[in-house]
mmCIF file of all heavy atoms, coordinates in Angstrom:
data_MODEL
# 
_entry.id   MODEL 
# 
loop_
_atom_site.group_PDB 
_atom_site.id 
_atom_site.type_symbol 
_atom_site.label_atom_id 
_atom_site.label_alt_id 
_atom_site.label_comp_id 
_atom_site.label_asym_id 
_atom_site.label_entity_id 
_atom_site.label_seq_id 
_atom_site.pdbx_PDB_ins_code 
_atom_site.Cartn_x 
_atom_site.Cartn_y 
_atom_site.Cartn_z 
_atom_site.occupancy 
_atom_site.B_iso_or_equiv 
_atom_site.pdbx_formal_charge 
_atom_site.auth_seq_id 
_atom_site.auth_comp_id 
_atom_site.auth_asym_id 
_atom_site.auth_atom_id 
_atom_site.pdbx_PDB_model_num 
ATOM 1   N N   . ILE A 1 1  ? -11.174 4.432   2.775  1.00 0.00 ? 1  ILE A N   1 
ATOM 2   C CA  . ILE A 1 1  ? -12.044 4.678   3.933  1.00 0.00 ? 1  ILE A CA  1 
ATOM 3   C C   . ILE A 1 1  ? -11.234 5.232   5.100  1.00 0.00 ? 1  ILE A C   1 
ATOM 4   O O   . ILE A 1 1  ? -11.713 6.072   5.859  1.00 0.00 ? 1  ILE A O   1 
ATOM 5   C CB  . ILE A 1 1  ? -12.777 3.384   4.348  1.00 0.00 ? 1  ILE A CB  1 
ATOM 6   C CG1 . ILE A 1 1  ? -13.666 2.881   3.200  1.00 0.00 ? 1  ILE A CG1 1 
ATOM 7   C CG2 . ILE A 1 1  ? -13.600 3.599   5.614  1.00 0.00 ? 1  ILE A CG2 1 
ATOM 8   C CD1 . ILE A 1 1  ? -14.787 3.830   2.798  1.00 0.00 ? 1  ILE A CD1 1 
ATOM 9   N N   . GLY A 1 2  ? -9.983  4.777   5.263  1.00 0.00 ? 2  GLY A N   1 
ATOM 10  C CA  . GLY A 1 2  ? -9.168  5.245   6.376  1.00 0.00 ? 2  GLY A CA  1 
ATOM 11  C C   . GLY A 1 2  ? -7.689  5.007   6.130  1.00 0.00 ? 2  GLY A C   1 
ATOM 12  O O   . GLY A 1 2  ? -7.289  4.387   5.134  1.00 0.00 ? 2  GLY A O   1 
ATOM 13  N N   . GLU A 1 3  ? -6.873  5.523   7.060  1.00 0.00 ? 3  GLU A N   1 
ATOM 14  C CA  . GLU A 1 3  ? -5.423  5.434   6.907  1.00 0.00 ? 3  GLU A CA  1 
ATOM 15  C C   . GLU A 1 3  ? -4.933  3.980   6.909  1.00 0.00 ? 3  GLU A C   1 
ATOM 16  O O   . GLU A 1 3  ? -3.980  3.634   6.213  1.00 0.00 ? 3  GLU A O   1 
ATOM 17  C CB  . GLU A 1 3  ? -4.718  6.204   8.035  1.00 0.00 ? 3  GLU A CB  1 
ATOM 18  C CG  . GLU A 1 3  ? -4.781  7.715   7.892  1.00 0.00 ? 3  GLU A CG  1 
ATOM 19  C CD  . GLU A 1 3  ? -6.055  8.315   8.467  1.00 0.00 ? 3  GLU A CD  1 
ATOM 20  O OE1 . GLU A 1 3  ? -6.974  7.532   8.840  1.00 0.00 ? 3  GLU A OE1 1 
ATOM 21  O OE2 . GLU A 1 3  ? -6.158  9.552   8.540  1.00 0.00 ? 3  GLU A OE2 1 
ATOM 22  N N   . GLN A 1 4  ? -5.600  3.132   7.696  1.00 0.00 ? 4  GLN A N   1 
ATOM 23  C CA  . GLN A 1 4  ? -5.173  1.731   7.750  1.00 0.00 ? 4  GLN A CA  1 
ATOM 24  C C   . GLN A 1 4  ? -5.359  1.052   6.395  1.00 0.00 ? 4  GLN A C   1 
ATOM 25  O O   . GLN A 1 4  ? -4.515  0.260   5.960  1.00 0.00 ? 4  GLN A O   1 
ATOM 26  C CB  . GLN A 1 4  ? -5.961  0.985   8.829  1.00 0.00 ? 4  GLN A CB  1 
ATOM 27  C CG  . GLN A 1 4  ? -5.431  -0.416  9.091  1.00 0.00 ? 4  GLN A CG  1 
ATOM 28  C CD  . GLN A 1 4  ? -6.191  -1.107  10.206 1.00 0.00 ? 4  GLN A CD  1 
ATOM 29  O OE1 . GLN A 1 4  ? -7.416  -1.166  10.212 1.00 0.00 ? 4  GLN A OE1 1 
ATOM 30  N NE2 . GLN A 1 4  ? -5.456  -1.639  11.171 1.00 0.00 ? 4  GLN A NE2 1 
ATOM 31  N N   . GLN A 1 5  ? -6.442  1.367   5.715  1.00 0.00 ? 5  GLN A N   1 
ATOM 32  C CA  . GLN A 1 5  ? -6.671  0.793   4.390  1.00 0.00 ? 5  GLN A CA  1 
ATOM 33  C C   . GLN A 1 5  ? -5.596  1.259   3.404  1.00 0.00 ? 5  GLN A C   1 
ATOM 34  O O   . GLN A 1 5  ? -5.132  0.475   2.569  1.00 0.00 ? 5  GLN A O   1 
ATOM 35  C CB  . GLN A 1 5  ? -8.063  1.177   3.880  1.00 0.00 ? 5  GLN A CB  1 
ATOM 36  C CG  . GLN A 1 5  ? -8.439  0.477   2.578  1.00 0.00 ? 5  GLN A CG  1 
ATOM 37  C CD  . GLN A 1 5  ? -9.781  0.936   2.030  1.00 0.00 ? 5  GLN A CD  1 
ATOM 38  O OE1 . GLN A 1 5  ? -10.385 1.874   2.544  1.00 0.00 ? 5  GLN A OE1 1 
ATOM 39  N NE2 . GLN A 1 5  ? -10.248 0.284   0.988  1.00 0.00 ? 5  GLN A NE2 1 
ATOM 40  N N   . LEU A 1 6  ? -5.189  2.526   3.508  1.00 0.00 ? 6  LEU A N   1 
ATOM 41  C CA  . LEU A 1 6  ? -4.120  3.033   2.643  1.00 0.00 ? 6  LEU A CA  1 
ATOM 42  C C   . LEU A 1 6  ? -2.809  2.300   2.920  1.00 0.00 ? 6  LEU A C   1 
ATOM 43  O O   . LEU A 1 6  ? -2.080  1.920   1.994  1.00 0.00 ? 6  LEU A O   1 
ATOM 44  C CB  . LEU A 1 6  ? -3.935  4.541   2.867  1.00 0.00 ? 6  LEU A CB  1 
ATOM 45  C CG  . LEU A 1 6  ? -5.039  5.452   2.330  1.00 0.00 ? 6  LEU A CG  1 
ATOM 46  C CD1 . LEU A 1 6  ? -4.855  6.875   2.844  1.00 0.00 ? 6  LEU A CD1 1 
ATOM 47  C CD2 . LEU A 1 6  ? -5.067  5.441   0.808  1.00 0.00 ? 6  LEU A CD2 1 
ATOM 48  N N   . GLU A 1 7  ? -2.528  2.081   4.194  1.00 0.00 ? 7  GLU A N   1 
ATOM 49  C CA  . GLU A 1 7  ? -1.301  1.378   4.574  1.00 0.00 ? 7  GLU A CA  1 
ATOM 50  C C   . GLU A 1 7  ? -1.317  -0.061  4.055  1.00 0.00 ? 7  GLU A C   1 
ATOM 51  O O   . GLU A 1 7  ? -0.320  -0.561  3.515  1.00 0.00 ? 7  GLU A O   1 
ATOM 52  C CB  . GLU A 1 7  ? -1.176  1.386   6.106  1.00 0.00 ? 7  GLU A CB  1 
ATOM 53  C CG  . GLU A 1 7  ? 0.081   0.716   6.625  1.00 0.00 ? 7  GLU A CG  1 
ATOM 54  C CD  . GLU A 1 7  ? -0.035  0.358   8.104  1.00 0.00 ? 7  GLU A CD  1 
ATOM 55  O OE1 . GLU A 1 7  ? -0.777  1.035   8.836  1.00 0.00 ? 7  GLU A OE1 1 
ATOM 56  O OE2 . GLU A 1 7  ? 0.608   -0.635  8.499  1.00 0.00 ? 7  GLU A OE2 1 
ATOM 57  N N   . VAL A 1 8  ? -2.460  -0.734  4.201  1.00 0.00 ? 8  VAL A N   1 
ATOM 58  C CA  . VAL A 1 8  ? -2.595  -2.111  3.716  1.00 0.00 ? 8  VAL A CA  1 
ATOM 59  C C   . VAL A 1 8  ? -2.459  -2.155  2.193  1.00 0.00 ? 8  VAL A C   1 
ATOM 60  O O   . VAL A 1 8  ? -1.822  -3.053  1.631  1.00 0.00 ? 8  VAL A O   1 
ATOM 61  C CB  . VAL A 1 8  ? -3.946  -2.713  4.171  1.00 0.00 ? 8  VAL A CB  1 
ATOM 62  C CG1 . VAL A 1 8  ? -4.260  -4.001  3.416  1.00 0.00 ? 8  VAL A CG1 1 
ATOM 63  C CG2 . VAL A 1 8  ? -3.924  -2.976  5.672  1.00 0.00 ? 8  VAL A CG2 1 
ATOM 64  N N   . THR A 1 9  ? -3.031  -1.170  1.519  1.00 0.00 ? 9  THR A N   1 
ATOM 65  C CA  . THR A 1 9  ? -2.938  -1.113  0.057  1.00 0.00 ? 9  THR A CA  1 
ATOM 66  C C   . THR A 1 9  ? -1.482  -1.004  -0.381 1.00 0.00 ? 9  THR A C   1 
ATOM 67  O O   . THR A 1 9  ? -1.042  -1.703  -1.308 1.00 0.00 ? 9  THR A O   1 
ATOM 68  C CB  . THR A 1 9  ? -3.743  0.086   -0.482 1.00 0.00 ? 9  THR A CB  1 
ATOM 69  O OG1 . THR A 1 9  ? -5.118  -0.062  -0.119 1.00 0.00 ? 9  THR A OG1 1 
ATOM 70  C CG2 . THR A 1 9  ? -3.630  0.201   -1.995 1.00 0.00 ? 9  THR A CG2 1 
ATOM 71  N N   . ALA A 1 10 ? -0.715  -0.151  0.292  1.00 0.00 ? 10 ALA A N   1 
ATOM 72  C CA  . ALA A 1 10 ? 0.704   0.001   -0.042 1.00 0.00 ? 10 ALA A CA  1 
ATOM 73  C C   . ALA A 1 10 ? 1.448   -1.320  0.161  1.00 0.00 ? 10 ALA A C   1 
ATOM 74  O O   . ALA A 1 10 ? 2.283   -1.722  -0.668 1.00 0.00 ? 10 ALA A O   1 
ATOM 75  C CB  . ALA A 1 10 ? 1.326   1.097   0.817  1.00 0.00 ? 10 ALA A CB  1 
ATOM 76  N N   . SER A 1 11 ? 1.132   -2.008  1.249  1.00 0.00 ? 11 SER A N   1 
ATOM 77  C CA  . SER A 1 11 ? 1.788   -3.285  1.540  1.00 0.00 ? 11 SER A CA  1 
ATOM 78  C C   . SER A 1 11 ? 1.410   -4.346  0.511  1.00 0.00 ? 11 SER A C   1 
ATOM 79  O O   . SER A 1 11 ? 2.259   -5.135  0.067  1.00 0.00 ? 11 SER A O   1 
ATOM 80  C CB  . SER A 1 11 ? 1.391   -3.739  2.950  1.00 0.00 ? 11 SER A CB  1 
ATOM 81  O OG  . SER A 1 11 ? 2.064   -4.917  3.301  1.00 0.00 ? 11 SER A OG  1 
ATOM 82  N N   . MET A 1 12 ? 0.136   -4.368  0.102  1.00 0.00 ? 12 MET A N   1 
ATOM 83  C CA  . MET A 1 12 ? -0.323  -5.356  -0.887 1.00 0.00 ? 12 MET A CA  1 
ATOM 84  C C   . MET A 1 12 ? 0.271   -5.077  -2.270 1.00 0.00 ? 12 MET A C   1 
ATOM 85  O O   . MET A 1 12 ? 0.547   -6.006  -3.035 1.00 0.00 ? 12 MET A O   1 
ATOM 86  C CB  . MET A 1 12 ? -1.851  -5.374  -0.936 1.00 0.00 ? 12 MET A CB  1 
ATOM 87  C CG  . MET A 1 12 ? -2.482  -5.932  0.329  1.00 0.00 ? 12 MET A CG  1 
ATOM 88  S SD  . MET A 1 12 ? -4.277  -5.794  0.357  1.00 0.00 ? 12 MET A SD  1 
ATOM 89  C CE  . MET A 1 12 ? -4.758  -7.281  -0.496 1.00 0.00 ? 12 MET A CE  1 
ATOM 90  N N   . LEU A 1 13 ? 0.454   -3.814  -2.603 1.00 0.00 ? 13 LEU A N   1 
ATOM 91  C CA  . LEU A 1 13 ? 1.091   -3.483  -3.882 1.00 0.00 ? 13 LEU A CA  1 
ATOM 92  C C   . LEU A 1 13 ? 2.501   -4.061  -3.939 1.00 0.00 ? 13 LEU A C   1 
ATOM 93  O O   . LEU A 1 13 ? 2.934   -4.596  -4.964 1.00 0.00 ? 13 LEU A O   1 
ATOM 94  C CB  . LEU A 1 13 ? 1.144   -1.960  -4.067 1.00 0.00 ? 13 LEU A CB  1 
ATOM 95  C CG  . LEU A 1 13 ? -0.165  -1.278  -4.466 1.00 0.00 ? 13 LEU A CG  1 
ATOM 96  C CD1 . LEU A 1 13 ? -0.055  0.235   -4.286 1.00 0.00 ? 13 LEU A CD1 1 
ATOM 97  C CD2 . LEU A 1 13 ? -0.537  -1.598  -5.911 1.00 0.00 ? 13 LEU A CD2 1 
ATOM 98  N N   . LYS A 1 14 ? 3.189   -3.970  -2.828 1.00 0.00 ? 14 LYS A N   1 
ATOM 99  C CA  . LYS A 1 14 ? 4.556   -4.513  -2.772 1.00 0.00 ? 14 LYS A CA  1 
ATOM 100 C C   . LYS A 1 14 ? 4.538   -6.040  -2.825 1.00 0.00 ? 14 LYS A C   1 
ATOM 101 O O   . LYS A 1 14 ? 5.311   -6.665  -3.562 1.00 0.00 ? 14 LYS A O   1 
ATOM 102 C CB  . LYS A 1 14 ? 5.233   -4.032  -1.476 1.00 0.00 ? 14 LYS A CB  1 
ATOM 103 C CG  . LYS A 1 14 ? 6.653   -4.532  -1.289 1.00 0.00 ? 14 LYS A CG  1 
ATOM 104 C CD  . LYS A 1 14 ? 7.586   -3.966  -2.337 1.00 0.00 ? 14 LYS A CD  1 
ATOM 105 C CE  . LYS A 1 14 ? 9.023   -4.411  -2.098 1.00 0.00 ? 14 LYS A CE  1 
ATOM 106 N NZ  . LYS A 1 14 ? 9.906   -4.024  -3.217 1.00 0.00 ? 14 LYS A NZ  1 
ATOM 107 N N   . GLU A 1 15 ? 3.630   -6.641  -2.064 1.00 0.00 ? 15 GLU A N   1 
ATOM 108 C CA  . GLU A 1 15 ? 3.582   -8.096  -1.956 1.00 0.00 ? 15 GLU A CA  1 
ATOM 109 C C   . GLU A 1 15 ? 3.088   -8.750  -3.248 1.00 0.00 ? 15 GLU A C   1 
ATOM 110 O O   . GLU A 1 15 ? 3.658   -9.728  -3.734 1.00 0.00 ? 15 GLU A O   1 
ATOM 111 C CB  . GLU A 1 15 ? 2.663   -8.484  -0.789 1.00 0.00 ? 15 GLU A CB  1 
ATOM 112 C CG  . GLU A 1 15 ? 2.459   -9.974  -0.600 1.00 0.00 ? 15 GLU A CG  1 
ATOM 113 C CD  . GLU A 1 15 ? 3.739   -10.709 -0.258 1.00 0.00 ? 15 GLU A CD  1 
ATOM 114 O OE1 . GLU A 1 15 ? 4.526   -10.189 0.555  1.00 0.00 ? 15 GLU A OE1 1 
ATOM 115 O OE2 . GLU A 1 15 ? 3.970   -11.785 -0.831 1.00 0.00 ? 15 GLU A OE2 1 
ATOM 116 N N   . ARG A 1 16 ? 2.008   -8.196  -3.803 1.00 0.00 ? 16 ARG A N   1 
ATOM 117 C CA  . ARG A 1 16 ? 1.385   -8.834  -4.974 1.00 0.00 ? 16 ARG A CA  1 
ATOM 118 C C   . ARG A 1 16 ? 2.048   -8.458  -6.291 1.00 0.00 ? 16 ARG A C   1 
ATOM 119 O O   . ARG A 1 16 ? 2.162   -9.275  -7.199 1.00 0.00 ? 16 ARG A O   1 
ATOM 120 C CB  . ARG A 1 16 ? -0.097  -8.451  -5.049 1.00 0.00 ? 16 ARG A CB  1 
ATOM 121 C CG  . ARG A 1 16 ? -0.973  -9.043  -3.975 1.00 0.00 ? 16 ARG A CG  1 
ATOM 122 C CD  . ARG A 1 16 ? -2.419  -8.648  -4.267 1.00 0.00 ? 16 ARG A CD  1 
ATOM 123 N NE  . ARG A 1 16 ? -3.357  -9.203  -3.305 1.00 0.00 ? 16 ARG A NE  1 
ATOM 124 C CZ  . ARG A 1 16 ? -4.674  -9.052  -3.405 1.00 0.00 ? 16 ARG A CZ  1 
ATOM 125 N NH1 . ARG A 1 16 ? -5.185  -8.376  -4.422 1.00 0.00 ? 16 ARG A NH1 1 
ATOM 126 N NH2 . ARG A 1 16 ? -5.482  -9.569  -2.512 1.00 0.00 ? 16 ARG A NH2 1 
ATOM 127 N N   . TYR A 1 17 ? 2.417   -7.171  -6.415 1.00 0.00 ? 17 TYR A N   1 
ATOM 128 C CA  . TYR A 1 17 ? 2.845   -6.664  -7.723 1.00 0.00 ? 17 TYR A CA  1 
ATOM 129 C C   . TYR A 1 17 ? 4.295   -6.187  -7.738 1.00 0.00 ? 17 TYR A C   1 
ATOM 130 O O   . TYR A 1 17 ? 4.761   -5.667  -8.753 1.00 0.00 ? 17 TYR A O   1 
ATOM 131 C CB  . TYR A 1 17 ? 1.912   -5.526  -8.163 1.00 0.00 ? 17 TYR A CB  1 
ATOM 132 C CG  . TYR A 1 17 ? 0.471   -5.959  -8.276 1.00 0.00 ? 17 TYR A CG  1 
ATOM 133 C CD1 . TYR A 1 17 ? -0.437  -5.705  -7.237 1.00 0.00 ? 17 TYR A CD1 1 
ATOM 134 C CD2 . TYR A 1 17 ? 0.009   -6.640  -9.396 1.00 0.00 ? 17 TYR A CD2 1 
ATOM 135 C CE1 . TYR A 1 17 ? -1.766  -6.115  -7.322 1.00 0.00 ? 17 TYR A CE1 1 
ATOM 136 C CE2 . TYR A 1 17 ? -1.322  -7.051  -9.494 1.00 0.00 ? 17 TYR A CE2 1 
ATOM 137 C CZ  . TYR A 1 17 ? -2.194  -6.789  -8.449 1.00 0.00 ? 17 TYR A CZ  1 
ATOM 138 O OH  . TYR A 1 17 ? -3.503  -7.193  -8.541 1.00 0.00 ? 17 TYR A OH  1 
ATOM 139 N N   . ASN A 1 18 ? 4.965   -6.305  -6.581 1.00 0.00 ? 18 ASN A N   1 
ATOM 140 C CA  . ASN A 1 18 ? 6.374   -5.923  -6.474 1.00 0.00 ? 18 ASN A CA  1 
ATOM 141 C C   . ASN A 1 18 ? 6.611   -4.484  -6.923 1.00 0.00 ? 18 ASN A C   1 
ATOM 142 O O   . ASN A 1 18 ? 7.555   -4.180  -7.663 1.00 0.00 ? 18 ASN A O   1 
ATOM 143 C CB  . ASN A 1 18 ? 7.263   -6.883  -7.285 1.00 0.00 ? 18 ASN A CB  1 
ATOM 144 C CG  . ASN A 1 18 ? 8.728   -6.736  -6.904 1.00 0.00 ? 18 ASN A CG  1 
ATOM 145 O OD1 . ASN A 1 18 ? 9.054   -6.379  -5.771 1.00 0.00 ? 18 ASN A OD1 1 
ATOM 146 N ND2 . ASN A 1 18 ? 9.617   -6.986  -7.856 1.00 0.00 ? 18 ASN A ND2 1 
ATOM 147 N N   . VAL A 1 19 ? 5.742   -3.602  -6.492 1.00 0.00 ? 19 VAL A N   1 
ATOM 148 C CA  . VAL A 1 19 ? 5.915   -2.173  -6.779 1.00 0.00 ? 19 VAL A CA  1 
ATOM 149 C C   . VAL A 1 19 ? 5.770   -1.405  -5.469 1.00 0.00 ? 19 VAL A C   1 
ATOM 150 O O   . VAL A 1 19 ? 4.821   -1.614  -4.715 1.00 0.00 ? 19 VAL A O   1 
ATOM 151 C CB  . VAL A 1 19 ? 4.919   -1.683  -7.857 1.00 0.00 ? 19 VAL A CB  1 
ATOM 152 C CG1 . VAL A 1 19 ? 3.481   -1.930  -7.448 1.00 0.00 ? 19 VAL A CG1 1 
ATOM 153 C CG2 . VAL A 1 19 ? 5.117   -0.204  -8.157 1.00 0.00 ? 19 VAL A CG2 1 
ATOM 154 N N   . SER A 1 20 ? 6.734   -0.547  -5.186 1.00 0.00 ? 20 SER A N   1 
ATOM 155 C CA  . SER A 1 20 ? 6.726   0.221   -3.932 1.00 0.00 ? 20 SER A CA  1 
ATOM 156 C C   . SER A 1 20 ? 6.095   1.579   -4.172 1.00 0.00 ? 20 SER A C   1 
ATOM 157 O O   . SER A 1 20 ? 6.390   2.254   -5.169 1.00 0.00 ? 20 SER A O   1 
ATOM 158 C CB  . SER A 1 20 ? 8.151   0.399   -3.411 1.00 0.00 ? 20 SER A CB  1 
ATOM 159 O OG  . SER A 1 20 ? 8.714   -0.854  -3.075 1.00 0.00 ? 20 SER A OG  1 
ATOM 160 N N   . ILE A 1 21 ? 5.241   1.973   -3.241 1.00 0.00 ? 21 ILE A N   1 
ATOM 161 C CA  . ILE A 1 21 ? 4.516   3.234   -3.351 1.00 0.00 ? 21 ILE A CA  1 
ATOM 162 C C   . ILE A 1 21 ? 4.892   4.117   -2.164 1.00 0.00 ? 21 ILE A C   1 
ATOM 163 O O   . ILE A 1 21 ? 5.090   3.632   -1.048 1.00 0.00 ? 21 ILE A O   1 
ATOM 164 C CB  . ILE A 1 21 ? 2.989   2.966   -3.392 1.00 0.00 ? 21 ILE A CB  1 
ATOM 165 C CG1 . ILE A 1 21 ? 2.196   4.249   -3.644 1.00 0.00 ? 21 ILE A CG1 1 
ATOM 166 C CG2 . ILE A 1 21 ? 2.509   2.295   -2.136 1.00 0.00 ? 21 ILE A CG2 1 
ATOM 167 C CD1 . ILE A 1 21 ? 0.705   4.005   -3.830 1.00 0.00 ? 21 ILE A CD1 1 
ATOM 168 N N   . VAL A 1 22 ? 5.026   5.410   -2.421 1.00 0.00 ? 22 VAL A N   1 
ATOM 169 C CA  . VAL A 1 22 ? 5.305   6.381   -1.359 1.00 0.00 ? 22 VAL A CA  1 
ATOM 170 C C   . VAL A 1 22 ? 4.038   7.187   -1.109 1.00 0.00 ? 22 VAL A C   1 
ATOM 171 O O   . VAL A 1 22 ? 3.500   7.816   -2.029 1.00 0.00 ? 22 VAL A O   1 
ATOM 172 C CB  . VAL A 1 22 ? 6.466   7.320   -1.754 1.00 0.00 ? 22 VAL A CB  1 
ATOM 173 C CG1 . VAL A 1 22 ? 6.690   8.371   -0.667 1.00 0.00 ? 22 VAL A CG1 1 
ATOM 174 C CG2 . VAL A 1 22 ? 7.740   6.526   -1.992 1.00 0.00 ? 22 VAL A CG2 1 
ATOM 175 N N   . LEU A 1 23 ? 3.543   7.143   0.126  1.00 0.00 ? 23 LEU A N   1 
ATOM 176 C CA  . LEU A 1 23 ? 2.364   7.912   0.511  1.00 0.00 ? 23 LEU A CA  1 
ATOM 177 C C   . LEU A 1 23 ? 2.808   9.136   1.304  1.00 0.00 ? 23 LEU A C   1 
ATOM 178 O O   . LEU A 1 23 ? 3.697   9.040   2.157  1.00 0.00 ? 23 LEU A O   1 
ATOM 179 C CB  . LEU A 1 23 ? 1.418   7.063   1.364  1.00 0.00 ? 23 LEU A CB  1 
ATOM 180 C CG  . LEU A 1 23 ? 0.782   5.851   0.683  1.00 0.00 ? 23 LEU A CG  1 
ATOM 181 C CD1 . LEU A 1 23 ? 0.062   4.976   1.698  1.00 0.00 ? 23 LEU A CD1 1 
ATOM 182 C CD2 . LEU A 1 23 ? -0.191  6.292   -0.412 1.00 0.00 ? 23 LEU A CD2 1 
ATOM 183 N N   . SER A 1 24 ? 2.200   10.285  1.041  1.00 0.00 ? 24 SER A N   1 
ATOM 184 C CA  . SER A 1 24 ? 2.604   11.509  1.734  1.00 0.00 ? 24 SER A CA  1 
ATOM 185 C C   . SER A 1 24 ? 1.401   12.431  1.913  1.00 0.00 ? 24 SER A C   1 
ATOM 186 O O   . SER A 1 24 ? 0.348   12.242  1.287  1.00 0.00 ? 24 SER A O   1 
ATOM 187 C CB  . SER A 1 24 ? 3.701   12.232  0.946  1.00 0.00 ? 24 SER A CB  1 
ATOM 188 O OG  . SER A 1 24 ? 3.248   12.542  -0.368 1.00 0.00 ? 24 SER A OG  1 
# 
């Protein structure tokens, strides 16, 4: 829906699944 949701998704991927994502 927005950039904040994308940012939160990246943070949750790291926290929950220990995988880092690069957004560009």
